[in-house]
Amino acid sequence: MKAKVVYFLFMTVLCIFGGYLLNLFAKDYVRLKSNQTALFDEARYYRTRDSFSAASVQQMTLKHAEFEKHYAALASVADDLNLKIKRLETASRTVTNTVVEFVPVYRDSIVFRDGRIDTLRCATYNDAWVSFEYCDDTAHVAVTDTLIQFVHRVPRQWWFIRFGTKSIRQEVTTKNPHAEITYTEYINLIRR
């Protein structure tokens, strides 16, 4: 009788432990499946109503060790900022390209060089986002931009009923009309 009780307790503990492991593996399977979908889902680049550049990308969920292994450049930046990788919640990277075509305003300047008079052609351009000045073989360019990021939940949808969470997406837009978003990614870090 005592052996049956011990056997029953052993099997109960084994079933509970097996259920726990099965739950962990199921969660990891869902995470990896979501990451695979995020990797194959290309970022969507589009223009807002105000014709600003915008991009949308699906979230990837990584463990801290995976982040350090596969995103060493981002981990290095976090280290340079004295941030511990194990304390990070999310990481995001967005690349923009700014191209400005303009007609500069030219003006002539008179300077004295080596005891003689010389003229310099100087050019300038200014608007709310770009400042350009060229004079005496030196140029100064200043570009101002604001990136706005939103992270939102995309619900599952069946017919007209929305429920649960299908994915997490990041939407990024720029406020500089000369800038174009060329790349973006959003990584959620989990502890396990």
C-alpha atoms as a PDB file:
ATOM      1  CA  MET A   1       0.000   0.000   0.000  1.00  0.00           C
ATOM      2  CA  LYS A   2       2.824   2.410   0.930  1.00  0.00           C
ATOM      3  CA  ALA A   3       4.555   1.743  -2.405  1.00  0.00           C
ATOM      4  CA  LYS A   4       1.348   2.619  -4.281  1.00  0.00           C
ATOM      5  CA  VAL A   5       1.062   5.955  -2.453  1.00  0.00           C
ATOM      6  CA  VAL A   6       4.711   6.797  -3.185  1.00  0.00           C
ATOM      7  CA  TYR A   7       4.242   5.749  -6.815  1.00  0.00           C
ATOM      8  CA  PHE A   8       1.061   7.856  -7.067  1.00  0.00           C
ATOM      9  CA  LEU A   9       2.808  10.917  -5.547  1.00  0.00           C
ATOM     10  CA  PHE A  10       5.815  10.431  -7.839  1.00  0.00           C
ATOM     11  CA  MET A  11       3.583  10.209 -10.928  1.00  0.00           C
ATOM     12  CA  THR A  12       1.587  13.291  -9.811  1.00  0.00           C
ATOM     13  CA  VAL A  13       4.761  15.346  -9.363  1.00  0.00           C
ATOM     14  CA  LEU A  14       6.064  14.042 -12.689  1.00  0.00           C
ATOM     15  CA  CYS A  15       2.811  15.019 -14.468  1.00  0.00           C
ATOM     16  CA  ILE A  16       2.823  18.492 -12.890  1.00  0.00           C
ATOM     17  CA  PHE A  17       6.477  19.009 -13.863  1.00  0.00           C
ATOM     18  CA  GLY A  18       5.781  17.689 -17.381  1.00  0.00           C
ATOM     19  CA  GLY A  19       2.816  20.060 -17.715  1.00  0.00           C
ATOM     20  CA  TYR A  20       4.998  22.956 -16.581  1.00  0.00           C
ATOM     21  CA  LEU A  21       7.678  22.084 -19.160  1.00  0.00           C
ATOM     22  CA  LEU A  22       5.049  21.641 -21.856  1.00  0.00           C
ATOM     23  CA  ASN A  23       3.657  25.103 -21.049  1.00  0.00           C
ATOM     24  CA  LEU A  24       7.165  26.630 -21.287  1.00  0.00           C
ATOM     25  CA  PHE A  25       7.821  24.934 -24.629  1.00  0.00           C
ATOM     26  CA  ALA A  26       4.424  26.035 -25.960  1.00  0.00           C
ATOM     27  CA  LYS A  27       5.124  29.677 -25.026  1.00  0.00           C
ATOM     28  CA  ASP A  28       8.568  29.488 -26.630  1.00  0.00           C
ATOM     29  CA  TYR A  29       7.030  27.928 -29.749  1.00  0.00           C
ATOM     30  CA  VAL A  30       4.536  30.795 -30.030  1.00  0.00           C
ATOM     31  CA  ARG A  31       7.352  33.342 -29.535  1.00  0.00           C
ATOM     32  CA  LEU A  32       9.560  31.734 -32.184  1.00  0.00           C
ATOM     33  CA  LYS A  33       6.637  31.454 -34.601  1.00  0.00           C
ATOM     34  CA  SER A  34       5.866  35.153 -34.087  1.00  0.00           C
ATOM     35  CA  ASN A  35       9.544  36.032 -34.655  1.00  0.00           C
ATOM     36  CA  GLN A  36       9.583  34.024 -37.866  1.00  0.00           C
ATOM     37  CA  THR A  37       6.507  35.902 -39.063  1.00  0.00           C
ATOM     38  CA  ALA A  38       8.194  39.211 -38.131  1.00  0.00           C
ATOM     39  CA  LEU A  39      11.342  38.280 -40.046  1.00  0.00           C
ATOM     40  CA  PHE A  40       9.437  37.366 -43.194  1.00  0.00           C
ATOM     41  CA  ASP A  41       7.029  40.290 -42.885  1.00  0.00           C
ATOM     42  CA  GLU A  42       8.698  43.204 -44.631  1.00  0.00           C
ATOM     43  CA  ALA A  43       8.495  46.649 -43.125  1.00  0.00           C
ATOM     44  CA  ARG A  44       5.845  48.795 -44.781  1.00  0.00           C
ATOM     45  CA  TYR A  45       7.009  52.226 -45.901  1.00  0.00           C
ATOM     46  CA  TYR A  46       4.375  54.808 -46.713  1.00  0.00           C
ATOM     47  CA  ARG A  47       3.529  58.525 -46.589  1.00  0.00           C
ATOM     48  CA  THR A  48       1.227  60.183 -44.072  1.00  0.00           C
ATOM     49  CA  ARG A  49      -1.530  62.594 -45.088  1.00  0.00           C
ATOM     50  CA  ASP A  50       0.937  65.446 -44.615  1.00  0.00           C
ATOM     51  CA  SER A  51       3.331  63.575 -46.969  1.00  0.00           C
ATOM     52  CA  PHE A  52       5.836  62.784 -44.204  1.00  0.00           C
ATOM     53  CA  SER A  53       7.720  59.499 -44.430  1.00  0.00           C
ATOM     54  CA  ALA A  54       6.439  56.677 -42.194  1.00  0.00           C
ATOM     55  CA  ALA A  55       7.221  53.004 -41.609  1.00  0.00           C
ATOM     56  CA  SER A  56       5.532  50.090 -39.877  1.00  0.00           C
ATOM     57  CA  VAL A  57       7.300  46.963 -38.602  1.00  0.00           C
ATOM     58  CA  GLN A  58       6.255  43.970 -36.505  1.00  0.00           C
ATOM     59  CA  GLN A  59       7.839  43.392 -33.098  1.00  0.00           C
ATOM     60  CA  MET A  60      10.434  40.674 -32.545  1.00  0.00           C
ATOM     61  CA  THR A  61      10.642  39.084 -29.091  1.00  0.00           C
ATOM     62  CA  LEU A  62      14.108  37.927 -28.031  1.00  0.00           C
ATOM     63  CA  LYS A  63      15.726  36.625 -24.892  1.00  0.00           C
ATOM     64  CA  HIS A  64      18.580  38.736 -23.564  1.00  0.00           C
ATOM     65  CA  ALA A  65      21.193  36.166 -24.633  1.00  0.00           C
ATOM     66  CA  GLU A  66      19.725  36.058 -28.173  1.00  0.00           C
ATOM     67  CA  PHE A  67      19.817  39.847 -28.307  1.00  0.00           C
ATOM     68  CA  GLU A  68      23.494  39.942 -27.304  1.00  0.00           C
ATOM     69  CA  LYS A  69      24.352  37.234 -29.846  1.00  0.00           C
ATOM     70  CA  HIS A  70      22.404  38.431 -32.901  1.00  0.00           C
ATOM     71  CA  TYR A  71      22.360  42.191 -32.289  1.00  0.00           C
ATOM     72  CA  ALA A  72      25.890  42.766 -31.044  1.00  0.00           C
ATOM     73  CA  ALA A  73      26.010  46.308 -32.496  1.00  0.00           C
ATOM     74  CA  LEU A  74      22.924  47.393 -30.510  1.00  0.00           C
ATOM     75  CA  ALA A  75      24.232  45.616 -27.419  1.00  0.00           C
ATOM     76  CA  SER A  76      27.502  47.516 -27.838  1.00  0.00           C
ATOM     77  CA  VAL A  77      25.640  50.844 -27.974  1.00  0.00           C
ATOM     78  CA  ALA A  78      23.737  49.906 -24.808  1.00  0.00           C
ATOM     79  CA  ASP A  79      27.061  49.052 -23.160  1.00  0.00           C
ATOM     80  CA  ASP A  80      28.500  52.424 -24.248  1.00  0.00           C
ATOM     81  CA  LEU A  81      25.531  54.088 -22.526  1.00  0.00           C
ATOM     82  CA  ASN A  82      26.303  52.106 -19.340  1.00  0.00           C
ATOM     83  CA  LEU A  83      23.055  50.134 -19.624  1.00  0.00           C
ATOM     84  CA  LYS A  84      22.903  46.543 -18.479  1.00  0.00           C
ATOM     85  CA  ILE A  85      21.492  44.231 -21.146  1.00  0.00           C
ATOM     86  CA  LYS A  86      19.588  42.208 -18.553  1.00  0.00           C
ATOM     87  CA  ARG A  87      17.649  45.357 -17.547  1.00  0.00           C
ATOM     88  CA  LEU A  88      16.590  46.377 -21.065  1.00  0.00           C
ATOM     89  CA  GLU A  89      12.900  46.103 -21.943  1.00  0.00           C
ATOM     90  CA  THR A  90      12.904  47.076 -25.633  1.00  0.00           C
ATOM     91  CA  ALA A  91      15.328  48.201 -28.312  1.00  0.00           C
ATOM     92  CA  SER A  92      14.492  50.095 -31.451  1.00  0.00           C
ATOM     93  CA  ARG A  93      16.528  51.269 -34.426  1.00  0.00           C
ATOM     94  CA  THR A  94      15.382  53.571 -37.210  1.00  0.00           C
ATOM     95  CA  VAL A  95      17.469  54.816 -40.126  1.00  0.00           C
ATOM     96  CA  THR A  96      16.559  57.909 -42.121  1.00  0.00           C
ATOM     97  CA  ASN A  97      18.048  59.401 -45.254  1.00  0.00           C
ATOM     98  CA  THR A  98      17.771  63.149 -45.808  1.00  0.00           C
ATOM     99  CA  VAL A  99      18.113  64.507 -49.334  1.00  0.00           C
ATOM    100  CA  VAL A 100      17.514  68.199 -49.976  1.00  0.00           C
ATOM    101  CA  GLU A 101      17.440  69.753 -53.402  1.00  0.00           C
ATOM    102  CA  PHE A 102      17.605  73.533 -53.276  1.00  0.00           C
ATOM    103  CA  VAL A 103      18.758  76.620 -55.120  1.00  0.00           C
ATOM    104  CA  PRO A 104      21.262  78.429 -52.906  1.00  0.00           C
ATOM    105  CA  VAL A 105      21.365  82.184 -52.515  1.00  0.00           C
ATOM    106  CA  TYR A 106      24.794  83.402 -53.672  1.00  0.00           C
ATOM    107  CA  ARG A 107      26.576  86.464 -52.361  1.00  0.00           C
ATOM    108  CA  ASP A 108      30.076  87.731 -52.915  1.00  0.00           C
ATOM    109  CA  SER A 109      32.364  88.573 -50.043  1.00  0.00           C
ATOM    110  CA  ILE A 110      35.574  90.538 -50.243  1.00  0.00           C
ATOM    111  CA  VAL A 111      38.510  89.363 -48.129  1.00  0.00           C
ATOM    112  CA  PHE A 112      42.154  90.327 -47.868  1.00  0.00           C
ATOM    113  CA  ARG A 113      44.576  87.436 -48.521  1.00  0.00           C
ATOM    114  CA  ASP A 114      48.327  87.813 -48.614  1.00  0.00           C
ATOM    115  CA  GLY A 115      48.007  91.568 -48.936  1.00  0.00           C
ATOM    116  CA  ARG A 116      45.632  91.502 -51.897  1.00  0.00           C
ATOM    117  CA  ILE A 117      41.884  91.679 -52.317  1.00  0.00           C
ATOM    118  CA  ASP A 118      40.085  88.432 -53.159  1.00  0.00           C
ATOM    119  CA  THR A 119      36.412  87.616 -53.640  1.00  0.00           C
ATOM    120  CA  LEU A 120      34.667  84.605 -52.185  1.00  0.00           C
ATOM    121  CA  ARG A 121      31.499  83.052 -53.485  1.00  0.00           C
ATOM    122  CA  CYS A 122      29.291  82.218 -50.554  1.00  0.00           C
ATOM    123  CA  ALA A 123      26.047  80.271 -50.724  1.00  0.00           C
ATOM    124  CA  THR A 124      23.287  79.859 -48.143  1.00  0.00           C
ATOM    125  CA  TYR A 125      20.001  78.034 -47.806  1.00  0.00           C
ATOM    126  CA  ASN A 126      17.669  77.967 -44.808  1.00  0.00           C
ATOM    127  CA  ASP A 127      14.273  76.483 -44.081  1.00  0.00           C
ATOM    128  CA  ALA A 128      12.660  75.054 -40.930  1.00  0.00           C
ATOM    129  CA  TRP A 129      14.538  71.736 -41.199  1.00  0.00           C
ATOM    130  CA  VAL A 130      17.770  72.396 -43.133  1.00  0.00           C
ATOM    131  CA  SER A 131      20.434  75.063 -42.783  1.00  0.00           C
ATOM    132  CA  PHE A 132      23.285  75.219 -45.324  1.00  0.00           C
ATOM    133  CA  GLU A 133      26.152  77.666 -45.546  1.00  0.00           C
ATOM    134  CA  TYR A 134      29.183  77.478 -47.829  1.00  0.00           C
ATOM    135  CA  CYS A 135      31.970  80.048 -47.862  1.00  0.00           C
ATOM    136  CA  ASP A 136      35.751  79.933 -48.282  1.00  0.00           C
ATOM    137  CA  ASP A 137      35.912  76.216 -49.104  1.00  0.00           C
ATOM    138  CA  THR A 138      34.125  75.262 -45.902  1.00  0.00           C
ATOM    139  CA  ALA A 139      30.539  74.151 -45.584  1.00  0.00           C
ATOM    140  CA  HIS A 140      28.163  73.916 -42.649  1.00  0.00           C
ATOM    141  CA  VAL A 141      25.048  71.776 -42.901  1.00  0.00           C
ATOM    142  CA  ALA A 142      22.525  71.353 -40.069  1.00  0.00           C
ATOM    143  CA  VAL A 143      19.489  69.071 -40.389  1.00  0.00           C
ATOM    144  CA  THR A 144      16.723  68.988 -37.793  1.00  0.00           C
ATOM    145  CA  ASP A 145      14.329  66.061 -37.582  1.00  0.00           C
ATOM    146  CA  THR A 146      11.856  64.584 -35.140  1.00  0.00           C
ATOM    147  CA  LEU A 147      11.043  60.877 -35.120  1.00  0.00           C
ATOM    148  CA  ILE A 148       7.731  59.904 -33.557  1.00  0.00           C
ATOM    149  CA  GLN A 149       7.222  56.257 -32.592  1.00  0.00           C
ATOM    150  CA  PHE A 150       4.081  54.427 -31.532  1.00  0.00           C
ATOM    151  CA  VAL A 151       3.883  50.805 -30.440  1.00  0.00           C
ATOM    152  CA  HIS A 152       0.420  49.316 -30.760  1.00  0.00           C
ATOM    153  CA  ARG A 153      -1.457  46.032 -30.568  1.00  0.00           C
ATOM    154  CA  VAL A 154      -2.995  44.585 -33.735  1.00  0.00           C
ATOM    155  CA  PRO A 155      -6.099  42.559 -32.780  1.00  0.00           C
ATOM    156  CA  ARG A 156      -7.157  39.320 -34.417  1.00  0.00           C
ATOM    157  CA  GLN A 157     -10.248  39.696 -36.542  1.00  0.00           C
ATOM    158  CA  TRP A 158     -12.914  37.237 -37.507  1.00  0.00           C
ATOM    159  CA  TRP A 159     -15.526  38.745 -39.757  1.00  0.00           C
ATOM    160  CA  PHE A 160     -16.232  42.050 -37.951  1.00  0.00           C
ATOM    161  CA  ILE A 161     -15.341  40.856 -34.438  1.00  0.00           C
ATOM    162  CA  ARG A 162     -11.950  41.903 -33.077  1.00  0.00           C
ATOM    163  CA  PHE A 163     -10.380  39.968 -30.205  1.00  0.00           C
ATOM    164  CA  GLY A 164      -7.032  39.070 -28.666  1.00  0.00           C
ATOM    165  CA  THR A 165      -3.673  40.119 -30.074  1.00  0.00           C
ATOM    166  CA  LYS A 166      -2.406  39.102 -33.492  1.00  0.00           C
ATOM    167  CA  SER A 167       0.860  41.047 -33.287  1.00  0.00           C
ATOM    168  CA  ILE A 168       2.570  44.084 -31.826  1.00  0.00           C
ATOM    169  CA  ARG A 169       3.680  46.709 -34.368  1.00  0.00           C
ATOM    170  CA  GLN A 170       5.770  49.849 -34.230  1.00  0.00           C
ATOM    171  CA  GLU A 171       4.794  52.850 -36.348  1.00  0.00           C
ATOM    172  CA  VAL A 172       7.496  55.451 -36.951  1.00  0.00           C
ATOM    173  CA  THR A 173       7.120  58.766 -38.718  1.00  0.00           C
ATOM    174  CA  THR A 174       9.434  61.672 -39.333  1.00  0.00           C
ATOM    175  CA  LYS A 175       8.521  65.344 -39.181  1.00  0.00           C
ATOM    176  CA  ASN A 176      11.153  66.475 -41.704  1.00  0.00           C
ATOM    177  CA  PRO A 177       9.642  66.486 -45.218  1.00  0.00           C
ATOM    178  CA  HIS A 178      13.126  66.004 -46.721  1.00  0.00           C
ATOM    179  CA  ALA A 179      13.785  62.811 -44.710  1.00  0.00           C
ATOM    180  CA  GLU A 180      12.936  59.312 -45.851  1.00  0.00           C
ATOM    181  CA  ILE A 181      12.785  56.365 -43.425  1.00  0.00           C
ATOM    182  CA  THR A 182      14.868  53.594 -44.960  1.00  0.00           C
ATOM    183  CA  TYR A 183      14.963  51.006 -42.155  1.00  0.00           C
ATOM    184  CA  THR A 184      13.299  50.342 -38.817  1.00  0.00           C
ATOM    185  CA  GLU A 185      13.121  47.485 -36.325  1.00  0.00           C
ATOM    186  CA  TYR A 186      11.553  46.968 -32.916  1.00  0.00           C
ATOM    187  CA  ILE A 187      12.782  44.325 -30.455  1.00  0.00           C
ATOM    188  CA  ASN A 188      11.056  43.357 -27.202  1.00  0.00           C
ATOM    189  CA  LEU A 189      13.334  41.655 -24.674  1.00  0.00           C
ATOM    190  CA  ILE A 190      12.002  39.016 -22.302  1.00  0.00           C
ATOM    191  CA  ARG A 191      13.414  37.355 -19.220  1.00  0.00           C
ATOM    192  CA  ARG A 192      13.688  33.574 -19.413  1.00  0.00           C
END
